[in-house]
Amino acid sequence: MKPPSLSSQPIVGWLVHGARNAPLSHEVLTELCERLCAAGLPLWRVTVFVRTLHPEIVGRRFVWHPDTGTVVTDGSFELLERQSFLNSPMVQVSKTGEALRRRLADPDCVMDYPILHDLRTEGVTDYFVAPLHFSGGEVHFSSWATRQPGGFTDAEIEAIEAVIAPLARVAEIRAWYRVAGNLLATYVGKNAGERVLAGHIRRGDTEAIHAAIWLSDMRGFTMLADSLPPQNLVDLLNLYFDCQVPAIHEHGGEVLKYMGDGLLAIFPIGADGDFPPICAAALAAATAARRNIAALHAAEGDGAGMRFGLALHVGDVLFGNIGSGNRLDFTCIGPAVNLAARLEKLAGRLGRTILASQDFARHCGGHFQPLGRFAVAGFAEEQMVFGLGDEDLLTKDLPAKDLPTKDKEAQ
């Protein structure tokens, strides 16, 4: 390959130095294309596609056009099944690692991919697809299109080729930083993941925070585990968590941990200590999850018979790294979490779906009603427990031996 033209040298240098003035990935592509156009390259559209590691997204597509700038879309895994994608020059370039060019202005141009007909209809005269080689061996791709009469000149193709390798390096760095964030958000939660990426990785590195605490559990899970085939059980758990997790996220909460069929989440409370709106958000998420699970319970199929219990509490927790050596867990601990766990078990014994502590209920207006004081393992004092007014009190239907201990004042 010939050395890049002088007009592209500053652009190559800008990429080699990390495109530091463009902190976001789409900004990199926008500025790259604008610089190339200013240098005389007649670009009409540029696309970059980079695969990623994400449970729902196979990759990200960046499309630059002079009229719109760069538009970013996420590609779902369904993309891998579409014929329009499978039968495309981009997939061919990703497989072979070799560039592909089609001079559409040439009447005799080989039209071996459906997309080429669409591009020619749009007035594209030249189409160049170049691989982006990452250091781990993965091959991603970029495509470059022009409407210039006669297509790209040889010098213009050389200018594009000159920026491909440094663009791949920048794309790889940005992609892997995003992958790290995605993986941490997927497995430890968004806020916890951001803390880890910010350097909070030492064992014992914790922070005391105020939070509304959510601890839920599926009723009868042990029996289900004994009666269902393993894959059916996994599918049922996924259905069950789908009823809760979106509601938690929608209302500002963060899932910290799955414990078999159990789920621990928090709704952080800021330094201003504005408890009522956070507790209201946690309660809204709880009632949404209750509706979702009730609908699944009523439906025929794998969700039939599903029940759950949930405890809501508010208090101080230690949020951070706990574990041994280089195997740590980013989670929250403290007496407040322990109390939530005890109340969740109590919910099952009372036949309740949602229970709340006194500290939580007092921030929620008239939504809760007192159920009494109950002895709770690990706590010296009996705890005042509250239930939602729209739930029937079912303790009267429980055998006397199963009733929790209440004091006379609560009876």
Protein backbone atom coordinates (compact mmCIF):
# COMPACT_ATOMS: atom_id res chain seq x y z
CA MET A 1 0.00 0.00 0.00
CA LYS A 2 1.25 3.47 -0.86
CA PRO A 3 1.80 5.99 1.95
CA PRO A 4 -1.31 8.04 2.72
CA SER A 5 -1.68 11.37 0.98
CA LEU A 6 -0.55 14.47 2.82
CA SER A 7 -4.17 15.58 3.25
CA SER A 8 -4.97 12.47 5.29
CA GLN A 9 -1.86 12.52 7.47
CA PRO A 10 -3.34 14.86 10.13
CA ILE A 11 -6.44 12.66 10.31
CA VAL A 12 -4.34 9.53 10.76
CA GLY A 13 -2.38 11.30 13.51
CA TRP A 14 -5.60 12.35 15.21
CA LEU A 15 -6.78 8.72 15.30
CA VAL A 16 -3.38 7.39 16.38
CA HIS A 17 -3.52 9.72 19.37
CA GLY A 18 -6.92 8.28 20.35
CA ALA A 19 -9.35 10.91 19.01
CA ARG A 20 -9.30 12.28 22.53
CA ASN A 21 -11.47 15.32 21.78
CA ALA A 22 -14.34 12.95 20.84
CA PRO A 23 -15.15 11.04 24.05
CA LEU A 24 -18.21 9.24 22.65
CA SER A 25 -17.97 6.64 19.92
CA HIS A 26 -20.46 8.31 17.60
CA GLU A 27 -18.53 11.57 17.96
CA VAL A 28 -15.41 9.82 16.68
CA LEU A 29 -17.13 8.73 13.47
CA THR A 30 -18.76 12.13 12.97
CA GLU A 31 -15.50 14.02 13.30
CA LEU A 32 -13.60 11.48 11.21
CA CYS A 33 -16.05 11.83 8.33
CA GLU A 34 -16.15 15.61 8.60
CA ARG A 35 -12.34 15.79 8.56
CA LEU A 36 -12.17 13.48 5.54
CA CYS A 37 -14.78 15.53 3.70
CA ALA A 38 -12.90 18.73 4.51
CA ALA A 39 -9.78 17.09 3.07
CA GLY A 40 -11.64 16.51 -0.19
CA LEU A 41 -13.06 12.98 0.17
CA PRO A 42 -16.57 12.90 -1.40
CA LEU A 43 -18.31 10.73 1.20
CA TRP A 44 -22.07 10.20 1.01
CA ARG A 45 -22.48 7.57 3.74
CA VAL A 46 -20.16 5.71 6.12
CA THR A 47 -21.17 2.75 8.29
CA VAL A 48 -19.26 1.04 11.08
CA PHE A 49 -20.54 -2.13 12.72
CA VAL A 50 -18.88 -3.52 15.84
CA ARG A 51 -20.03 -6.68 17.61
CA THR A 52 -20.28 -6.58 21.37
CA LEU A 53 -20.84 -8.79 24.43
CA HIS A 54 -24.33 -8.09 25.70
CA PRO A 55 -27.17 -10.45 26.67
CA GLU A 56 -29.61 -8.73 24.28
CA ILE A 57 -27.49 -6.95 21.68
CA VAL A 58 -25.21 -8.56 19.09
CA GLY A 59 -23.59 -5.32 18.00
CA ARG A 60 -23.84 -1.58 17.39
CA ARG A 61 -24.28 0.07 14.02
CA PHE A 62 -22.97 3.61 13.46
CA VAL A 63 -24.20 5.32 10.29
CA TRP A 64 -22.88 8.74 9.26
CA HIS A 65 -24.54 10.91 6.64
CA PRO A 66 -23.73 14.58 6.00
CA ASP A 67 -27.35 15.59 6.62
CA THR A 68 -27.93 13.64 9.84
CA GLY A 69 -24.53 13.16 11.43
CA THR A 70 -24.01 9.80 13.10
CA VAL A 71 -27.00 7.68 14.10
CA VAL A 72 -26.41 4.70 16.39
CA THR A 73 -28.66 1.63 16.49
CA ASP A 74 -28.34 -1.58 18.46
CA GLY A 75 -28.62 -4.85 16.58
CA SER A 76 -30.53 -7.64 18.32
CA PHE A 77 -29.56 -11.29 17.94
CA GLU A 78 -32.42 -11.63 15.45
CA LEU A 79 -30.18 -9.75 13.03
CA LEU A 80 -28.05 -12.90 12.69
CA GLU A 81 -31.07 -14.73 11.26
CA ARG A 82 -32.07 -12.15 8.66
CA GLN A 83 -31.25 -13.04 5.07
CA SER A 84 -30.63 -9.38 4.25
CA PHE A 85 -27.79 -9.43 6.78
CA LEU A 86 -26.49 -12.93 6.09
CA ASN A 87 -26.39 -12.27 2.34
CA SER A 88 -24.48 -9.01 2.56
CA PRO A 89 -20.96 -7.92 1.64
CA MET A 90 -20.38 -6.93 5.28
CA VAL A 91 -20.73 -10.52 6.47
CA GLN A 92 -18.45 -11.68 3.67
CA VAL A 93 -15.79 -9.15 4.69
CA SER A 94 -16.12 -10.17 8.35
CA LYS A 95 -15.61 -13.83 7.40
CA THR A 96 -12.69 -13.37 5.03
CA GLY A 97 -11.00 -10.34 6.58
CA GLU A 98 -10.51 -8.99 3.04
CA ALA A 99 -11.79 -5.70 1.68
CA LEU A 100 -14.49 -5.65 -1.01
CA ARG A 101 -15.20 -2.93 -3.58
CA ARG A 102 -18.02 -2.55 -6.08
CA ARG A 103 -17.78 0.29 -8.66
CA LEU A 104 -21.52 0.79 -9.13
CA ALA A 105 -20.96 3.52 -11.73
CA ASP A 106 -19.60 0.81 -14.01
CA PRO A 107 -22.48 -0.75 -16.01
CA ASP A 108 -20.64 -4.08 -15.89
CA CYS A 109 -20.21 -4.03 -12.08
CA VAL A 110 -20.89 -7.42 -10.49
CA MET A 111 -24.18 -7.08 -8.58
CA ASP A 112 -23.73 -10.11 -6.34
CA TYR A 113 -25.44 -8.74 -3.21
CA PRO A 114 -29.01 -7.43 -2.90
CA ILE A 115 -27.86 -4.27 -1.11
CA LEU A 116 -25.93 -3.21 -4.21
CA HIS A 117 -29.17 -2.78 -6.17
CA ASP A 118 -30.55 -0.53 -3.42
CA LEU A 119 -27.37 1.53 -3.33
CA ARG A 120 -27.35 2.01 -7.10
CA THR A 121 -31.00 3.13 -6.93
CA GLU A 122 -29.97 5.71 -4.33
CA GLY A 123 -27.36 7.08 -6.69
CA VAL A 124 -24.29 5.50 -5.10
CA THR A 125 -21.47 5.19 -7.62
CA ASP A 126 -18.85 3.38 -5.54
CA TYR A 127 -19.05 1.14 -2.49
CA PHE A 128 -16.02 0.05 -0.47
CA VAL A 129 -16.26 -2.34 2.52
CA ALA A 130 -13.14 -2.59 4.69
CA PRO A 131 -12.51 -4.95 7.62
CA LEU A 132 -11.69 -3.61 11.05
CA HIS A 133 -9.19 -6.07 12.54
CA PHE A 134 -9.16 -6.14 16.34
CA SER A 135 -6.10 -7.37 18.20
CA GLY A 136 -7.90 -10.46 19.50
CA GLY A 137 -8.56 -11.71 15.99
CA GLU A 138 -12.16 -10.49 15.68
CA VAL A 139 -13.09 -8.89 12.38
CA HIS A 140 -15.64 -6.09 12.32
CA PHE A 141 -16.32 -3.85 9.32
CA SER A 142 -16.79 -0.39 7.89
CA SER A 143 -18.41 0.64 4.61
CA TRP A 144 -17.78 3.77 2.56
CA ALA A 145 -20.10 5.05 -0.16
CA THR A 146 -19.95 7.99 -2.58
CA ARG A 147 -22.22 9.55 -5.22
CA GLN A 148 -19.31 11.21 -6.98
CA PRO A 149 -19.58 10.65 -10.74
CA GLY A 150 -17.29 7.78 -11.64
CA GLY A 151 -16.85 6.72 -8.01
CA PHE A 152 -13.79 7.04 -5.79
CA THR A 153 -10.44 7.81 -7.34
CA ASP A 154 -7.44 5.64 -6.50
CA ALA A 155 -6.09 8.41 -4.27
CA GLU A 156 -9.39 8.59 -2.40
CA ILE A 157 -9.40 4.84 -1.80
CA GLU A 158 -5.85 5.16 -0.48
CA ALA A 159 -7.00 7.89 1.90
CA ILE A 160 -9.75 5.60 3.22
CA GLU A 161 -7.33 2.69 3.56
CA ALA A 162 -4.94 4.94 5.49
CA VAL A 163 -7.45 5.57 8.28
CA ILE A 164 -8.76 1.98 8.58
CA ALA A 165 -6.06 0.58 10.89
CA PRO A 166 -6.01 3.51 13.35
CA LEU A 167 -9.81 3.62 13.25
CA ALA A 168 -9.85 -0.07 14.20
CA ARG A 169 -7.61 0.64 17.20
CA VAL A 170 -9.84 3.47 18.42
CA ALA A 171 -12.97 1.38 17.81
CA GLU A 172 -11.45 -1.55 19.72
CA ILE A 173 -10.54 0.54 22.76
CA ARG A 174 -13.97 2.18 22.88
CA ALA A 175 -15.73 -1.14 22.25
CA TRP A 176 -13.91 -3.02 25.00
CA TYR A 177 -14.50 -0.23 27.49
CA ARG A 178 -18.19 -0.45 26.62
CA VAL A 179 -18.11 -4.26 26.87
CA ALA A 180 -16.58 -3.99 30.34
CA GLY A 181 -19.38 -1.65 31.35
CA ASN A 182 -22.02 -3.93 29.81
CA LEU A 183 -20.70 -7.02 31.56
CA LEU A 184 -20.42 -5.30 34.92
CA ALA A 185 -23.92 -3.83 34.56
CA THR A 186 -25.23 -7.27 33.58
CA TYR A 187 -23.66 -9.16 36.45
CA VAL A 188 -23.34 -6.65 39.31
CA GLY A 189 -25.69 -3.80 38.35
CA LYS A 190 -25.25 -0.45 36.61
CA ASN A 191 -24.26 1.70 39.61
CA ALA A 192 -22.08 -1.02 41.11
CA GLY A 193 -20.46 -1.58 37.72
CA GLU A 194 -19.67 2.12 37.38
CA ARG A 195 -18.06 2.10 40.81
CA VAL A 196 -15.89 -0.87 39.88
CA LEU A 197 -14.79 0.78 36.63
CA ALA A 198 -14.03 3.94 38.59
CA GLY A 199 -11.49 1.99 40.65
CA HIS A 200 -13.43 0.75 43.68
CA ILE A 201 -12.03 -2.79 43.49
CA ARG A 202 -10.19 -3.30 46.77
CA ARG A 203 -11.62 -5.71 49.29
CA GLY A 204 -13.29 -3.80 52.10
CA ASP A 205 -13.74 -0.71 49.93
CA THR A 206 -17.29 0.10 51.03
CA GLU A 207 -19.54 3.12 51.40
CA ALA A 208 -22.38 3.67 53.83
CA ILE A 209 -25.52 4.71 51.97
CA HIS A 210 -29.22 5.15 52.67
CA ALA A 211 -31.44 2.89 50.60
CA ALA A 212 -34.83 1.31 50.32
CA ILE A 213 -34.22 -2.44 50.34
CA TRP A 214 -36.11 -5.04 48.30
CA LEU A 215 -35.80 -8.73 49.10
CA SER A 216 -38.09 -11.19 47.34
CA ASP A 217 -38.40 -14.93 47.07
CA MET A 218 -40.48 -17.44 45.12
CA ARG A 219 -42.84 -19.53 47.19
CA GLY A 220 -42.53 -23.30 46.88
CA PHE A 221 -39.34 -23.16 44.85
CA THR A 222 -37.87 -26.28 46.48
CA MET A 223 -40.89 -28.32 45.48
CA LEU A 224 -40.74 -26.96 41.94
CA ALA A 225 -37.04 -27.77 41.74
CA ASP A 226 -37.81 -31.36 42.65
CA SER A 227 -40.65 -31.72 40.16
CA LEU A 228 -39.54 -29.82 37.04
CA PRO A 229 -36.86 -30.78 34.51
CA PRO A 230 -33.81 -28.52 34.95
CA GLN A 231 -34.34 -26.50 31.76
CA ASN A 232 -38.02 -25.96 32.60
CA LEU A 233 -36.97 -24.70 36.01
CA VAL A 234 -34.50 -22.24 34.46
CA ASP A 235 -37.19 -21.03 32.05
CA LEU A 236 -39.61 -20.56 34.93
CA LEU A 237 -37.05 -18.58 36.93
CA ASN A 238 -36.43 -16.32 33.95
CA LEU A 239 -40.17 -15.71 33.59
CA TYR A 240 -40.36 -14.98 37.31
CA PHE A 241 -37.49 -12.48 37.26
CA ASP A 242 -38.92 -10.85 34.12
CA CYS A 243 -41.92 -9.94 36.25
CA GLN A 244 -39.74 -8.05 38.74
CA VAL A 245 -36.51 -6.72 37.25
CA PRO A 246 -37.99 -4.37 34.59
CA ALA A 247 -40.28 -2.87 37.26
CA ILE A 248 -37.31 -2.34 39.60
CA HIS A 249 -35.25 -0.65 36.89
CA GLU A 250 -38.18 1.45 35.68
CA HIS A 251 -38.59 2.92 39.16
CA GLY A 252 -34.92 3.68 39.75
CA GLY A 253 -33.83 0.55 41.60
CA GLU A 254 -30.83 -1.65 41.02
CA VAL A 255 -30.70 -5.43 41.22
CA LEU A 256 -27.62 -6.44 43.19
CA LYS A 257 -27.90 -10.18 43.49
CA TYR A 258 -29.85 -13.28 42.48
CA MET A 259 -29.82 -15.96 45.15
CA GLY A 260 -31.41 -18.95 43.46
CA ASP A 261 -35.04 -17.82 43.41
CA GLY A 262 -34.27 -14.85 45.69
CA LEU A 263 -33.60 -11.30 44.55
CA LEU A 264 -31.89 -8.45 46.39
CA ALA A 265 -32.30 -4.90 45.08
CA ILE A 266 -31.84 -1.41 46.43
CA PHE A 267 -33.28 2.01 45.66
CA PRO A 268 -30.51 4.45 46.68
CA ILE A 269 -31.45 7.56 48.63
CA GLY A 270 -29.37 10.66 48.02
CA ALA A 271 -27.50 12.74 50.53
CA ASP A 272 -30.55 15.00 50.91
CA GLY A 273 -32.33 12.10 52.62
CA ASP A 274 -35.53 12.49 50.62
CA PHE A 275 -37.03 9.18 51.76
CA PRO A 276 -40.74 9.46 50.72
CA PRO A 277 -40.27 9.58 46.90
CA ILE A 278 -37.75 6.73 46.95
CA CYS A 279 -39.97 4.56 49.13
CA ALA A 280 -42.92 5.44 46.87
CA ALA A 281 -40.89 4.33 43.85
CA ALA A 282 -39.95 1.05 45.53
CA LEU A 283 -43.60 0.45 46.44
CA ALA A 284 -44.71 1.22 42.88
CA ALA A 285 -42.17 -1.32 41.59
CA ALA A 286 -43.42 -3.85 44.14
CA THR A 287 -47.07 -3.51 43.15
CA ALA A 288 -46.13 -3.68 39.46
CA ALA A 289 -44.21 -6.90 40.11
CA ARG A 290 -47.16 -8.26 42.07
CA ARG A 291 -49.49 -7.56 39.12
CA ASN A 292 -47.08 -9.17 36.69
CA ILE A 293 -46.72 -12.32 38.76
CA ALA A 294 -50.46 -12.50 39.38
CA ALA A 295 -51.02 -12.37 35.63
CA LEU A 296 -48.46 -15.11 35.13
CA HIS A 297 -50.04 -17.11 37.95
CA ALA A 298 -53.46 -16.82 36.30
CA ALA A 299 -52.22 -17.83 32.88
CA GLU A 300 -51.97 -21.42 31.82
CA GLY A 301 -48.50 -22.79 31.15
CA ASP A 302 -45.20 -22.60 32.97
CA GLY A 303 -46.27 -19.61 35.07
CA ALA A 304 -49.34 -21.30 36.54
CA GLY A 305 -49.10 -21.62 40.28
CA MET A 306 -46.25 -19.12 40.66
CA ARG A 307 -46.32 -17.11 43.89
CA PHE A 308 -43.84 -14.81 45.57
CA GLY A 309 -43.19 -12.85 48.73
CA LEU A 310 -41.49 -9.48 49.08
CA ALA A 311 -40.19 -7.43 51.99
CA LEU A 312 -39.53 -3.68 51.83
CA HIS A 313 -37.37 -1.88 54.35
CA VAL A 314 -35.36 1.32 54.45
CA GLY A 315 -32.14 1.98 56.29
CA ASP A 316 -28.37 2.28 56.15
CA VAL A 317 -26.34 -0.33 54.30
CA LEU A 318 -22.67 -0.86 53.52
CA PHE A 319 -22.32 -0.91 49.75
CA GLY A 320 -19.07 -2.25 48.31
CA ASN A 321 -16.55 -5.08 47.96
CA ILE A 322 -16.80 -8.15 50.15
CA GLY A 323 -15.07 -11.48 49.66
CA SER A 324 -11.68 -13.17 49.70
CA GLY A 325 -8.50 -12.48 47.78
CA ASN A 326 -9.25 -11.68 44.18
CA ARG A 327 -12.79 -13.13 44.23
CA LEU A 328 -15.06 -10.36 45.43
CA ASP A 329 -18.74 -9.55 45.39
CA PHE A 330 -20.04 -6.00 45.04
CA THR A 331 -23.12 -6.03 47.24
CA CYS A 332 -24.70 -4.47 50.31
CA ILE A 333 -24.78 -5.78 53.87
CA GLY A 334 -25.91 -4.63 57.28
CA PRO A 335 -28.67 -5.07 59.86
CA ALA A 336 -31.14 -3.41 57.48
CA VAL A 337 -30.57 -6.14 54.88
CA ASN A 338 -30.88 -8.82 57.57
CA LEU A 339 -34.22 -7.40 58.71
CA ALA A 340 -35.53 -7.37 55.14
CA ALA A 341 -34.58 -11.04 54.81
CA ARG A 342 -36.43 -11.91 58.02
CA LEU A 343 -39.53 -9.98 56.95
CA GLU A 344 -39.59 -11.75 53.61
CA LYS A 345 -39.79 -15.11 55.43
CA LEU A 346 -42.49 -13.69 57.68
CA ALA A 347 -44.54 -12.68 54.61
CA GLY A 348 -44.92 -16.34 53.70
CA ARG A 349 -46.06 -17.31 57.17
CA LEU A 350 -48.64 -14.52 57.17
CA GLY A 351 -49.92 -15.40 53.71
CA ARG A 352 -48.94 -11.95 52.50
CA THR A 353 -47.32 -11.00 49.22
CA ILE A 354 -45.79 -7.68 50.33
CA LEU A 355 -44.66 -6.76 53.84
CA ALA A 356 -43.01 -3.56 54.97
CA SER A 357 -41.11 -2.51 58.05
CA GLN A 358 -42.29 0.37 60.18
CA ASP A 359 -39.43 2.51 58.91
CA PHE A 360 -40.56 1.94 55.32
CA ALA A 361 -44.31 2.20 55.87
CA ARG A 362 -44.13 5.59 57.59
CA HIS A 363 -42.86 7.13 54.34
CA CYS A 364 -45.76 5.76 52.26
CA GLY A 365 -48.80 7.62 53.52
CA GLY A 366 -51.87 5.46 53.97
CA HIS A 367 -50.88 2.59 51.73
CA PHE A 368 -49.97 0.28 54.61
CA GLN A 369 -51.84 -0.92 57.64
CA PRO A 370 -50.29 -2.37 60.83
CA LEU A 371 -50.37 -6.14 61.21
CA GLY A 372 -48.79 -6.34 64.64
CA ARG A 373 -45.48 -6.83 66.37
CA PHE A 374 -43.58 -10.01 65.67
CA ALA A 375 -40.49 -11.66 67.04
CA VAL A 376 -37.80 -11.69 64.36
CA ALA A 377 -34.73 -13.94 64.54
CA GLY A 378 -31.54 -12.02 65.23
CA PHE A 379 -33.28 -8.92 66.60
CA ALA A 380 -33.79 -8.35 70.31
CA GLU A 381 -36.92 -6.26 69.92
CA GLU A 382 -40.11 -7.37 68.24
CA GLN A 383 -40.72 -5.60 64.96
CA MET A 384 -43.87 -3.76 63.94
CA VAL A 385 -44.89 -5.12 60.54
CA PHE A 386 -47.16 -3.56 57.94
CA GLY A 387 -49.14 -4.92 55.02
CA LEU A 388 -50.92 -3.33 52.10
CA GLY A 389 -54.55 -2.50 52.63
CA ASP A 390 -55.60 -4.18 49.38
CA GLU A 391 -54.29 -7.59 50.47
CA ASP A 392 -56.55 -9.94 52.43
CA LEU A 393 -55.17 -10.92 55.81
CA LEU A 394 -54.80 -14.68 55.53
CA THR A 395 -53.37 -15.55 58.94
CA LYS A 396 -56.79 -16.73 60.07
CA ASP A 397 -56.52 -19.58 57.57
CA LEU A 398 -53.12 -20.75 58.86
CA PRO A 399 -52.74 -23.52 61.45
CA ALA A 400 -52.08 -22.09 64.92
CA LYS A 401 -48.64 -23.72 65.07
CA ASP A 402 -47.61 -21.77 61.95
CA LEU A 403 -48.60 -18.35 63.24
CA PRO A 404 -45.72 -16.05 64.20
CA THR A 405 -45.59 -14.80 67.76
CA LYS A 406 -47.40 -11.48 68.32
CA ASP A 407 -47.57 -9.52 71.53
CA LYS A 408 -50.89 -8.73 73.21
CA GLU A 409 -50.79 -5.10 72.16
CA ALA A 410 -50.87 -6.11 68.50
CA GLN A 411 -53.69 -8.63 68.82
